Amino acid sequence: MRAYWTQEQTEDLKHMMSKGLAAGEIAEQMAVSKNAVVGKMHRLRIKNGHAPQTRKNNITRTYKGPIIGTRPCNLCSKKFNMHGRFDRFCDPCKRGGLYG
């Protein structure tokens, strides 16, 4: 069992992935287990030879759905439009105005 990956082995892994080899084939050539290769690919954020895009922390919902009614906010007591039956806070309070 290998406890660490050297820089050279990591570069070899990336090169083999770019050539389109499967994790099992790479594992055979590098004399490691398939799970070791898959784990290293996961830690490098490589999937099928490319790095997947990461999501931004500031994801905003653009479509909230139809307005189903109005109600007072549980924090600031201002009336706001409800888009779902579990909406309990107005948008400024959701963004951290009072409890964030």
Protein backbone atom coordinates (compact mmCIF):
# COMPACT_ATOMS: atom_id res chain seq x y z
CA MET A 1 0.00 0.00 0.00
CA ARG A 2 1.34 3.40 -0.98
CA ALA A 3 1.06 6.07 1.70
CA TYR A 4 1.74 9.05 -0.58
CA TRP A 5 1.91 10.10 -4.20
CA THR A 6 5.04 11.76 -5.57
CA GLN A 7 4.82 14.69 -7.95
CA GLU A 8 6.06 12.49 -10.79
CA GLN A 9 3.42 9.83 -10.14
CA THR A 10 0.73 12.50 -10.02
CA GLU A 11 1.87 13.88 -13.37
CA ASP A 12 1.87 10.36 -14.83
CA LEU A 13 -1.68 9.88 -13.58
CA LYS A 14 -2.82 13.14 -15.20
CA HIS A 15 -1.06 12.22 -18.47
CA MET A 16 -2.68 8.78 -18.59
CA MET A 17 -6.09 10.27 -17.84
CA SER A 18 -5.65 12.79 -20.67
CA LYS A 19 -4.93 9.88 -23.04
CA GLY A 20 -8.32 8.41 -22.10
CA LEU A 21 -7.23 5.39 -20.08
CA ALA A 22 -9.65 3.99 -17.53
CA ALA A 23 -8.84 3.97 -13.82
CA GLY A 24 -8.34 0.19 -13.86
CA GLU A 25 -5.85 0.40 -16.73
CA ILE A 26 -3.93 3.19 -15.01
CA ALA A 27 -3.87 1.17 -11.79
CA GLU A 28 -2.33 -1.82 -13.60
CA GLN A 29 0.38 0.31 -15.20
CA MET A 30 1.23 2.11 -11.96
CA ALA A 31 1.05 -1.06 -9.81
CA VAL A 32 -1.54 0.39 -7.41
CA SER A 33 -5.15 -0.45 -6.71
CA LYS A 34 -7.96 0.99 -8.76
CA ASN A 35 -9.35 2.63 -5.61
CA ALA A 36 -6.03 4.42 -5.05
CA VAL A 37 -6.26 5.89 -8.56
CA VAL A 38 -9.90 6.86 -8.16
CA GLY A 39 -9.19 8.43 -4.75
CA LYS A 40 -6.31 10.49 -6.13
CA MET A 41 -8.45 11.63 -9.06
CA HIS A 42 -11.13 12.66 -6.58
CA ARG A 43 -8.66 14.64 -4.46
CA LEU A 44 -7.33 16.35 -7.59
CA ARG A 45 -10.92 17.01 -8.68
CA ILE A 46 -10.32 15.20 -11.96
CA LYS A 47 -13.14 13.30 -13.59
CA ASN A 48 -12.73 11.64 -16.98
CA GLY A 49 -9.63 13.68 -17.71
CA HIS A 50 -10.95 17.12 -16.85
CA ALA A 51 -11.42 19.17 -13.72
CA PRO A 52 -15.13 19.76 -13.04
CA GLN A 53 -16.37 23.28 -12.44
CA THR A 54 -16.89 24.16 -8.81
CA ARG A 55 -20.03 25.89 -7.65
CA LYS A 56 -19.80 29.42 -6.38
CA ASN A 57 -20.81 30.10 -2.80
CA ASN A 58 -23.07 32.98 -3.81
CA ILE A 59 -25.65 30.99 -5.74
CA THR A 60 -28.82 32.99 -6.11
CA ARG A 61 -32.13 31.58 -7.15
CA THR A 62 -33.44 33.45 -10.18
CA TYR A 63 -36.92 31.91 -10.31
CA LYS A 64 -38.82 31.52 -7.07
CA GLY A 65 -42.11 30.31 -8.48
CA PRO A 66 -45.53 31.90 -8.37
CA ILE A 67 -46.64 34.03 -5.46
CA ILE A 68 -49.06 32.02 -3.37
CA GLY A 69 -49.87 34.67 -0.78
CA THR A 70 -48.47 37.22 1.63
CA ARG A 71 -47.57 36.93 5.29
CA PRO A 72 -45.51 38.79 7.92
CA CYS A 73 -41.84 37.86 8.31
CA ASN A 74 -41.08 35.93 11.49
CA LEU A 75 -38.12 38.22 12.27
CA CYS A 76 -38.93 41.76 11.17
CA SER A 77 -42.76 41.47 10.85
CA LYS A 78 -42.80 43.14 7.41
CA LYS A 79 -45.24 41.70 4.88
CA PHE A 80 -43.62 39.72 2.05
CA ASN A 81 -44.77 37.58 -0.87
CA MET A 82 -44.71 33.85 -0.21
CA HIS A 83 -43.42 31.62 -3.03
CA GLY A 84 -43.72 28.37 -1.10
CA ARG A 85 -45.75 27.17 1.84
CA PHE A 86 -42.64 26.98 4.05
CA ASP A 87 -41.46 30.58 3.47
CA ARG A 88 -41.21 32.23 6.87
CA PHE A 89 -38.70 35.06 6.29
CA CYS A 90 -38.51 37.98 3.88
CA ASP A 91 -35.56 38.23 1.46
CA PRO A 92 -33.52 40.79 3.50
CA CYS A 93 -33.80 38.58 6.61
CA LYS A 94 -32.81 35.48 4.60
CA ARG A 95 -29.68 37.27 3.37
CA GLY A 96 -28.52 37.87 6.91
CA GLY A 97 -30.08 41.19 7.74
CA LEU A 98 -31.09 40.19 11.24
CA TYR A 99 -29.80 36.70 11.97
CA GLY A 100 -26.89 36.19 9.55
